[in-house]
Protein backbone atom coordinates (compact mmCIF):
# COMPACT_ATOMS: atom_id res chain seq x y z
CA MET A 1 -5.05 -17.89 7.32
CA GLY A 2 -2.74 -16.79 10.44
CA GLN A 3 0.23 -18.06 8.65
CA MET A 4 -0.45 -15.80 5.54
CA VAL A 5 -1.33 -12.99 8.09
CA GLU A 6 2.06 -13.33 9.34
CA VAL A 7 3.79 -13.55 6.03
CA ILE A 8 2.06 -10.41 5.13
CA ARG A 9 2.47 -8.26 8.04
CA ASP A 10 6.51 -9.47 7.59
CA THR A 11 6.85 -8.45 3.88
CA VAL A 12 4.81 -5.74 3.71
CA PRO A 13 7.23 -3.05 5.51
CA ASN A 14 10.35 -3.78 2.99
CA LEU A 15 7.69 -4.69 -0.15
CA LEU A 16 9.67 -1.65 -1.77
CA GLN A 17 12.66 -3.32 -1.65
CA LYS A 18 11.74 -7.29 -1.86
CA ASN A 19 8.86 -9.23 -3.08
CA PHE A 20 6.93 -11.24 -1.18
CA PRO A 21 8.26 -15.28 -1.09
CA LYS A 22 7.75 -17.13 -3.95
CA GLU A 23 5.47 -19.69 -1.95
CA ALA A 24 3.38 -16.77 -1.21
CA ILE A 25 2.40 -16.28 -4.29
CA SER A 26 0.14 -18.39 -6.36
CA ASP A 27 1.32 -19.52 -9.92
CA ASN A 28 -2.37 -17.63 -11.04
CA ILE A 29 -2.02 -14.42 -8.91
CA LYS A 30 -3.61 -11.13 -10.31
CA LEU A 31 -2.40 -7.77 -9.75
CA ARG A 32 -5.29 -4.65 -9.87
CA ILE A 33 -3.65 -1.51 -9.69
CA LEU A 34 -6.70 1.27 -8.61
CA PRO A 35 -9.41 -0.40 -10.30
CA ASP A 36 -12.04 1.79 -8.87
CA THR A 37 -10.58 4.94 -9.95
CA HIS A 38 -8.68 3.71 -13.03
CA PRO A 39 -10.31 0.87 -14.48
CA THR A 40 -8.51 1.04 -17.93
CA ILE A 41 -4.95 -0.42 -15.98
CA PRO A 42 -5.04 -4.28 -16.83
CA VAL A 43 -5.23 -6.59 -14.34
CA ILE A 44 -1.80 -8.27 -14.47
CA ASN A 45 -1.83 -12.05 -14.71
CA GLY A 46 0.57 -14.68 -13.51
CA ARG A 47 3.73 -15.00 -11.40
CA VAL A 48 6.16 -13.83 -14.01
CA SER A 49 4.35 -10.64 -15.10
CA TYR A 50 3.30 -10.20 -11.35
CA ASN A 51 7.13 -10.09 -10.15
CA THR A 52 8.11 -7.92 -13.28
CA VAL A 53 5.24 -5.16 -12.53
CA VAL A 54 5.90 -5.30 -8.69
CA LYS A 55 10.01 -4.79 -9.55
CA LEU A 56 8.69 -1.86 -11.78
CA LEU A 57 6.55 -0.36 -9.15
CA GLN A 58 9.66 -0.65 -6.52
CA PHE A 59 12.16 0.92 -8.94
CA THR A 60 9.63 4.08 -9.69
CA VAL A 61 8.73 4.56 -6.05
CA THR A 62 12.05 4.38 -4.86
CA HIS A 63 14.36 6.01 -7.59
CA VAL A 64 11.36 8.65 -8.52
CA LEU A 65 8.90 9.56 -6.41
CA LEU A 66 10.30 8.54 -2.92
CA PRO A 67 13.90 8.34 -1.32
CA THR A 68 15.51 5.51 -2.52
CA GLN A 69 15.67 3.68 1.50
CA SER A 70 11.75 4.70 1.82
CA GLU A 71 9.91 1.82 3.85
CA ILE A 72 6.31 0.94 4.52
CA LEU A 73 4.73 1.52 7.79
CA LEU A 74 1.56 -0.65 8.59
CA LEU A 75 -1.21 1.60 9.77
CA SER A 76 -4.12 -1.26 10.11
CA ALA A 77 -4.71 -4.57 9.19
CA ARG A 78 -8.13 -6.67 9.36
CA LEU A 79 -9.95 -9.32 7.86
CA CYS A 80 -12.91 -8.00 5.28
CA SER A 81 -15.97 -10.65 5.06
CA GLU A 82 -18.48 -8.65 4.71
CA TYR A 83 -18.81 -8.60 0.57
CA GLN A 84 -17.97 -12.40 0.60
CA SER A 85 -19.67 -15.38 -0.15
CA GLU A 86 -19.75 -18.31 2.30
CA LYS A 87 -17.49 -20.18 0.82
CA ALA A 88 -14.82 -17.60 -0.69
CA PRO A 89 -11.89 -16.94 2.09
CA PRO A 90 -12.39 -12.92 3.56
CA LYS A 91 -9.85 -10.26 2.26
CA PHE A 92 -7.22 -9.41 4.53
CA MET A 93 -6.77 -5.36 4.07
CA VAL A 94 -3.65 -3.38 4.98
CA ARG A 95 -3.70 0.37 5.52
CA TRP A 96 0.04 1.57 4.69
CA ARG A 97 1.75 4.35 4.36
CA THR A 98 5.84 4.77 3.51
CA TYR A 99 8.39 6.52 5.48
CA SER A 100 12.03 7.21 4.91
CA GLU A 101 14.74 5.52 7.06
CA ASP A 102 16.36 8.77 7.82
CA ASN A 103 13.38 10.53 8.83
CA ARG A 104 11.74 7.56 10.67
CA THR A 105 8.93 8.16 13.03
CA GLN A 106 6.12 6.09 14.35
CA ASN A 107 3.28 8.29 13.83
CA SER A 108 0.44 6.57 12.27
CA PHE A 109 -2.83 7.96 10.38
CA PRO A 110 -5.76 8.03 12.27
CA ASN A 111 -7.67 4.49 11.26
CA SER A 112 -10.84 6.11 9.33
CA PHE A 113 -8.62 7.79 7.36
CA SER A 114 -10.32 7.72 3.49
CA ALA A 115 -8.86 9.74 0.51
CA ARG A 116 -12.70 9.93 -0.58
CA SER A 117 -14.06 11.51 2.86
CA ILE A 118 -11.48 14.55 2.96
CA ASN A 119 -11.62 17.66 1.89
CA PHE A 120 -8.86 19.90 3.26
CA ALA A 121 -6.01 21.62 1.78
CA PRO A 122 -2.75 20.26 1.45
CA SER A 123 -1.11 21.94 4.17
CA GLN A 124 -4.24 20.75 6.83
CA LEU A 125 -4.67 17.16 4.77
CA ALA A 126 -0.88 17.10 6.21
CA GLY A 127 -1.15 18.33 9.74
CA SER A 128 -4.30 15.85 10.01
CA LEU A 129 -2.20 12.62 9.25
CA GLY A 130 0.39 13.75 11.41
CA LEU A 131 3.18 14.73 9.21
CA MET A 132 5.94 16.73 9.99
CA PRO A 133 7.43 19.19 7.29
CA HIS A 134 10.74 16.96 6.89
CA GLU A 135 8.35 13.64 6.49
CA PHE A 136 7.88 14.41 2.72
CA PRO A 137 6.85 13.09 0.04
CA VAL A 138 4.73 9.98 1.15
CA LEU A 139 2.76 7.32 -0.46
CA THR A 140 -0.52 5.88 1.20
CA GLY A 141 -2.61 3.46 0.36
CA ILE A 142 -4.80 0.03 1.12
CA PHE A 143 -3.46 -3.42 -0.02
CA GLU A 144 -6.34 -6.13 -0.27
CA PHE A 145 -5.14 -9.47 0.00
CA GLU A 146 -7.31 -12.20 -1.65
CA PHE A 147 -6.47 -16.08 -0.63
CA ASN A 148 -7.01 -18.94 -2.59
CA TYR A 149 -9.52 -21.48 -0.51
CA ASP A 150 -7.00 -23.19 1.80
CA CYS A 151 -5.33 -19.35 2.31
CA SER A 152 -2.06 -20.96 1.51
CA GLN A 153 -1.34 -18.38 -0.78
CA ILE A 154 -2.29 -14.93 -2.40
CA GLU A 155 -4.82 -15.04 -5.63
CA ILE A 156 -5.14 -11.39 -5.68
CA MET A 157 -3.38 -8.46 -4.56
CA THR A 158 -5.19 -4.97 -5.16
CA ILE A 159 -3.64 -1.64 -4.50
CA THR A 160 -6.16 0.72 -3.89
CA ASP A 161 -7.22 4.40 -1.89
CA LEU A 162 -3.21 5.56 -3.29
CA GLU A 163 -2.21 9.01 -2.73
CA TYR A 164 0.99 10.66 -3.13
CA LEU A 165 1.76 13.39 -0.90
CA SER A 166 4.24 16.06 -1.88
CA LYS A 167 5.15 19.23 0.39
CA PRO A 168 2.28 21.27 0.46
CA ILE A 169 2.89 24.33 -2.05
CA GLU A 170 2.27 26.64 1.10
CA GLU A 171 5.18 25.41 3.14
CA GLN A 172 7.15 25.40 0.03
CA ILE A 173 6.77 29.56 -0.38
CA ALA A 174 6.42 30.03 3.42
CA GLY A 175 9.80 28.01 3.55
CA ALA A 176 11.52 29.64 0.65
């Protein structure tokens, strides 16, 4: 398990530019995108399909949503075994946000951040997350990793709690 955790921690910051090493991904990997909020998005099955969808997501995020040189900042990581059976390996969950190389900061979100629990206006939300006006746009989310039984490969990767924060409208008007 420790080796896979290190691979994930080393790879996730650059996941917008390159994928996980081939040996870290199961041939039967499954990619689930927003299964709780968008259950109609199909599950991607198999290494070739996974790699194709990841490349498409990388291109979309770095050429449409965010600056090209954006990277991922790991905010927290933990093993989660409370919902697993005794025989199944635990999930490894990574909370993350993006940042742009030209606006690099190491400010991070509070560990208790949950998109479902915040009822703020956009500018209040951005302030509570410690974002500076020049740091927009930002993606935040959680990656959940499930492993094979000997914890040597990723079997399931889930992208959940995804949020896209553009510059709050109040600030756009005030700055205009």
